[in-house]
Amino acid sequence: MGSWTPSGWILEGQFISFMDGPLERFWFVRRRDFAHLEWEFGWPEVVEADRSIAPGQLGGPYVPEIIKPTYWSEARHRGQMFQWIAGIKPNVKWYIQLPTNAKRHGTPKLPWPSRRHRKVAHFTMQMSPFDRPTFFTEHFFVPKLCDLAGFEVYNGLDITITPHFNFYINKLDIEHIGDITAQGERNPASARYTEVLENLYKKVARYRPLTLFPVTAPAADSP
């Protein structure tokens, strides 16, 4: 069983940031709560008889809206986001698109699996066992920015299977501190955050930058 307090989890009292277009947005973590979900691949949108995957076949993508964060208020400078990890069983290949149109975890020259090459951009049970999810699978959901993921599963086993996932979710109640533009312009969410945002910009105050979107590069080598 994984621990609720290892160094990987974001904690109360910490500052975080993430990119939203050209802006780096800064937030303060007010509270957090734990959520746990065991999910059968395709449930509830797909009927039970159609959730299984035959040998050598690909299932999905399915988008589990049951793990979507729902609260976000720019006017109140508050919102909730999810930090999550997941274990999987049996030993299939799990592919993630997050946001749902962004293929994740490949390389510039081989960004996504094909029929000829399945061993890229995937997670397996060895990397993140069902009953002991690991931070290999860490991702973030932020409302109205990247709040849904598409999951595909390839069955390389000799039997028909139905994949199961074990989600550990860190539900974060966050408060907006302010934004910094690419040119370094500081825009605090309110006057009382002016000094805090300045210290974050100068890296006097510590914060954790989060990667919400894929780190991409062209397939061709740079000249």
Protein backbone atom coordinates (compact mmCIF):
# COMPACT_ATOMS: atom_id res chain seq x y z
CA MET A 1 0.00 0.00 0.00
CA GLY A 2 1.39 3.40 -0.91
CA SER A 3 1.95 6.09 1.71
CA TRP A 4 -0.19 9.24 1.92
CA THR A 5 2.83 11.38 2.91
CA PRO A 6 5.81 10.56 0.66
CA SER A 7 7.75 13.41 -0.90
CA GLY A 8 5.87 13.10 -4.18
CA TRP A 9 2.52 14.37 -2.87
CA ILE A 10 1.77 18.10 -2.90
CA LEU A 11 1.06 19.28 0.65
CA GLU A 12 -0.90 22.01 2.43
CA GLY A 13 1.02 25.28 2.70
CA GLN A 14 3.03 24.79 -0.48
CA PHE A 15 3.14 27.07 -3.51
CA ILE A 16 2.77 25.57 -6.98
CA SER A 17 2.76 26.93 -10.52
CA PHE A 18 1.77 25.74 -13.98
CA MET A 19 1.74 27.15 -17.49
CA ASP A 20 -1.52 28.33 -19.06
CA GLY A 21 -0.58 29.49 -22.55
CA PRO A 22 2.02 32.28 -22.17
CA LEU A 23 1.28 32.75 -18.45
CA GLU A 24 2.91 31.06 -15.50
CA ARG A 25 0.15 30.92 -12.88
CA PHE A 26 0.96 30.66 -9.16
CA TRP A 27 -1.23 29.05 -6.51
CA PHE A 28 -1.22 28.39 -2.76
CA VAL A 29 -2.41 25.02 -1.47
CA ARG A 30 -4.95 25.70 1.28
CA ARG A 31 -6.19 22.18 1.95
CA ARG A 32 -6.01 18.68 0.55
CA ASP A 33 -7.97 15.47 0.86
CA PHE A 34 -7.44 11.88 -0.26
CA ALA A 35 -9.70 10.11 -2.75
CA HIS A 36 -9.50 6.50 -3.88
CA LEU A 37 -11.15 4.83 -6.85
CA GLU A 38 -10.90 1.35 -8.36
CA TRP A 39 -12.01 1.62 -11.98
CA GLU A 40 -12.84 -1.10 -14.50
CA PHE A 41 -11.77 -0.11 -18.01
CA GLY A 42 -14.69 1.54 -19.81
CA TRP A 43 -17.08 1.75 -16.85
CA PRO A 44 -19.81 3.09 -16.78
CA GLU A 45 -20.18 4.28 -20.39
CA VAL A 46 -19.28 0.90 -21.93
CA VAL A 47 -21.48 -2.10 -21.16
CA GLU A 48 -19.75 -4.86 -19.19
CA ALA A 49 -19.72 -7.34 -22.08
CA ASP A 50 -17.72 -4.89 -24.24
CA ARG A 51 -15.04 -3.92 -21.69
CA SER A 52 -12.84 -6.97 -22.29
CA ILE A 53 -9.93 -6.96 -24.74
CA ALA A 54 -8.95 -10.00 -26.80
CA PRO A 55 -5.29 -11.04 -27.26
CA GLY A 56 -3.40 -8.75 -29.62
CA GLN A 57 -6.16 -6.12 -29.60
CA LEU A 58 -6.35 -2.48 -28.53
CA GLY A 59 -9.14 -1.15 -26.30
CA GLY A 60 -10.28 2.46 -26.01
CA PRO A 61 -9.63 5.27 -25.83
CA TYR A 62 -12.06 5.69 -22.95
CA VAL A 63 -12.39 8.94 -20.98
CA PRO A 64 -13.33 8.32 -17.31
CA GLU A 65 -15.26 11.46 -16.32
CA ILE A 66 -15.74 10.11 -12.81
CA ILE A 67 -12.25 11.40 -11.88
CA LYS A 68 -12.79 14.88 -13.31
CA PRO A 69 -12.39 17.87 -10.91
CA THR A 70 -15.42 20.17 -11.05
CA TYR A 71 -14.83 23.35 -9.02
CA TRP A 72 -13.08 26.39 -10.52
CA SER A 73 -13.81 30.11 -9.95
CA GLU A 74 -11.57 32.75 -11.51
CA ALA A 75 -13.74 35.44 -9.86
CA ARG A 76 -13.09 34.03 -6.39
CA HIS A 77 -9.46 33.10 -7.13
CA ARG A 78 -10.14 29.56 -5.93
CA GLY A 79 -10.32 26.13 -7.46
CA GLN A 80 -9.68 22.44 -6.99
CA MET A 81 -7.21 20.33 -8.94
CA PHE A 82 -6.25 16.66 -8.76
CA GLN A 83 -2.81 15.12 -8.50
CA TRP A 84 -3.11 11.39 -9.18
CA ILE A 85 -1.23 8.15 -9.62
CA ALA A 86 -2.64 4.77 -10.61
CA GLY A 87 -1.79 1.08 -10.53
CA ILE A 88 -2.92 -1.37 -13.21
CA LYS A 89 -3.68 -5.06 -13.62
CA PRO A 90 -3.13 -7.39 -15.39
CA ASN A 91 0.17 -6.79 -17.18
CA VAL A 92 -1.05 -4.92 -20.24
CA LYS A 93 0.27 -1.80 -21.96
CA TRP A 94 -1.51 1.38 -20.87
CA TYR A 95 -1.37 4.53 -23.03
CA ILE A 96 -2.45 8.00 -21.90
CA GLN A 97 -3.67 11.02 -23.83
CA LEU A 98 -3.83 14.09 -21.58
CA PRO A 99 -5.47 16.37 -22.55
CA THR A 100 -7.55 13.95 -24.60
CA ASN A 101 -5.97 15.15 -27.88
CA ALA A 102 -2.35 15.00 -26.65
CA LYS A 103 -0.42 11.74 -26.92
CA ARG A 104 1.93 11.37 -23.97
CA HIS A 105 5.19 9.64 -23.02
CA GLY A 106 6.74 8.83 -26.38
CA THR A 107 9.93 10.21 -27.92
CA PRO A 108 10.25 12.88 -30.64
CA LYS A 109 11.04 10.23 -33.25
CA LEU A 110 8.56 7.66 -31.95
CA PRO A 111 5.77 9.59 -30.22
CA TRP A 112 3.05 6.91 -30.20
CA PRO A 113 2.77 3.13 -30.66
CA SER A 114 1.86 1.51 -33.95
CA ARG A 115 0.85 -1.99 -35.00
CA ARG A 116 4.51 -2.75 -35.70
CA HIS A 117 5.87 -1.28 -32.47
CA ARG A 118 3.81 -1.34 -29.27
CA LYS A 119 6.67 -0.91 -26.80
CA VAL A 120 6.66 2.88 -26.57
CA ALA A 121 4.77 5.51 -24.54
CA HIS A 122 3.23 2.91 -22.24
CA PHE A 123 2.90 1.97 -18.58
CA THR A 124 2.82 -1.62 -17.30
CA MET A 125 1.93 -3.46 -14.10
CA GLN A 126 5.65 -3.79 -13.30
CA MET A 127 6.02 0.00 -13.45
CA SER A 128 2.93 0.63 -11.29
CA PRO A 129 1.34 -2.44 -9.66
CA PHE A 130 -2.40 -2.34 -9.01
CA ASP A 131 -2.07 -2.52 -5.20
CA ARG A 132 1.03 -0.27 -5.01
CA PRO A 133 0.65 2.62 -7.49
CA THR A 134 3.85 4.51 -8.15
CA PHE A 135 4.73 8.06 -9.17
CA PHE A 136 5.76 6.84 -12.62
CA THR A 137 2.10 7.45 -13.44
CA GLU A 138 1.77 10.91 -11.86
CA HIS A 139 -0.49 13.33 -13.75
CA PHE A 140 -2.59 16.40 -12.96
CA PHE A 141 -6.16 17.43 -13.73
CA VAL A 142 -7.03 21.15 -13.73
CA PRO A 143 -10.60 22.26 -14.59
CA LYS A 144 -11.08 24.01 -17.94
CA LEU A 145 -7.41 23.45 -18.81
CA CYS A 146 -6.65 19.72 -18.76
CA ASP A 147 -9.34 17.95 -16.78
CA LEU A 148 -9.87 14.73 -18.74
CA ALA A 149 -7.63 11.93 -20.04
CA GLY A 150 -8.12 9.28 -22.70
CA PHE A 151 -6.92 5.78 -21.81
CA GLU A 152 -6.04 3.04 -24.28
CA VAL A 153 -4.93 -0.48 -23.39
CA TYR A 154 -3.15 -3.05 -25.56
CA ASN A 155 -3.49 -6.71 -24.57
CA GLY A 156 -0.27 -8.53 -25.34
CA LEU A 157 -1.27 -11.54 -23.25
CA ASP A 158 -2.56 -14.90 -24.51
CA ILE A 159 -5.97 -14.56 -22.86
CA THR A 160 -8.88 -12.12 -23.05
CA ILE A 161 -8.74 -9.66 -20.15
CA THR A 162 -10.56 -6.69 -18.62
CA PRO A 163 -8.10 -4.08 -17.28
CA HIS A 164 -8.56 -2.58 -13.81
CA PHE A 165 -7.02 0.60 -12.43
CA ASN A 166 -6.42 1.72 -8.85
CA PHE A 167 -6.39 5.53 -8.54
CA TYR A 168 -4.92 7.43 -5.59
CA ILE A 169 -6.05 11.05 -5.90
CA ASN A 170 -4.73 14.08 -4.01
CA LYS A 171 -7.62 16.58 -4.11
CA LEU A 172 -6.12 20.06 -3.76
CA ASP A 173 -7.99 23.21 -2.71
CA ILE A 174 -5.89 26.00 -4.23
CA GLU A 175 -5.91 29.80 -4.08
CA HIS A 176 -4.68 31.98 -6.93
CA ILE A 177 -1.69 34.16 -6.04
CA GLY A 178 -1.09 35.73 -9.45
CA ASP A 179 0.36 35.35 -12.93
CA ILE A 180 3.70 36.16 -14.55
CA THR A 181 3.95 36.81 -18.27
CA ALA A 182 6.72 35.61 -20.57
CA GLN A 183 8.15 39.16 -20.38
CA GLY A 184 8.28 39.01 -16.56
CA GLU A 185 5.28 41.23 -15.87
CA ARG A 186 3.78 40.39 -12.47
CA ASN A 187 -0.02 40.45 -12.07
CA PRO A 188 -1.07 39.59 -8.48
CA ALA A 189 -4.58 38.23 -7.94
CA SER A 190 -5.05 40.89 -5.25
CA ALA A 191 -2.95 43.64 -3.68
CA ARG A 192 -2.12 41.53 -0.62
CA TYR A 193 -0.29 39.04 -2.83
CA THR A 194 2.02 41.58 -4.48
CA GLU A 195 5.00 40.83 -2.25
CA VAL A 196 4.42 37.07 -2.33
CA LEU A 197 4.28 37.01 -6.13
CA GLU A 198 7.43 39.12 -6.32
CA ASN A 199 9.27 36.65 -4.07
CA LEU A 200 8.04 33.74 -6.18
CA TYR A 201 9.24 35.49 -9.33
CA LYS A 202 12.68 36.07 -7.79
CA LYS A 203 12.67 32.48 -6.48
CA VAL A 204 13.15 33.74 -2.94
CA ALA A 205 10.00 31.81 -2.00
CA ARG A 206 10.04 28.13 -2.87
CA TYR A 207 7.42 26.62 -5.16
CA ARG A 208 6.90 23.51 -7.25
CA PRO A 209 6.39 23.97 -11.01
CA LEU A 210 3.97 21.36 -12.37
CA THR A 211 4.06 19.91 -15.89
CA LEU A 212 0.48 19.67 -17.15
CA PHE A 213 1.15 19.26 -20.86
CA PRO A 214 3.51 17.10 -22.95
CA VAL A 215 7.15 18.07 -23.37
CA THR A 216 7.41 17.91 -27.15
CA ALA A 217 10.02 18.38 -29.86
CA PRO A 218 10.09 17.94 -33.68
CA ALA A 219 11.09 14.56 -35.06
CA ALA A 220 13.87 16.11 -37.14
CA ASP A 221 17.19 16.92 -35.49
CA SER A 222 17.89 20.60 -34.85
CA PRO A 223 20.28 22.16 -37.40
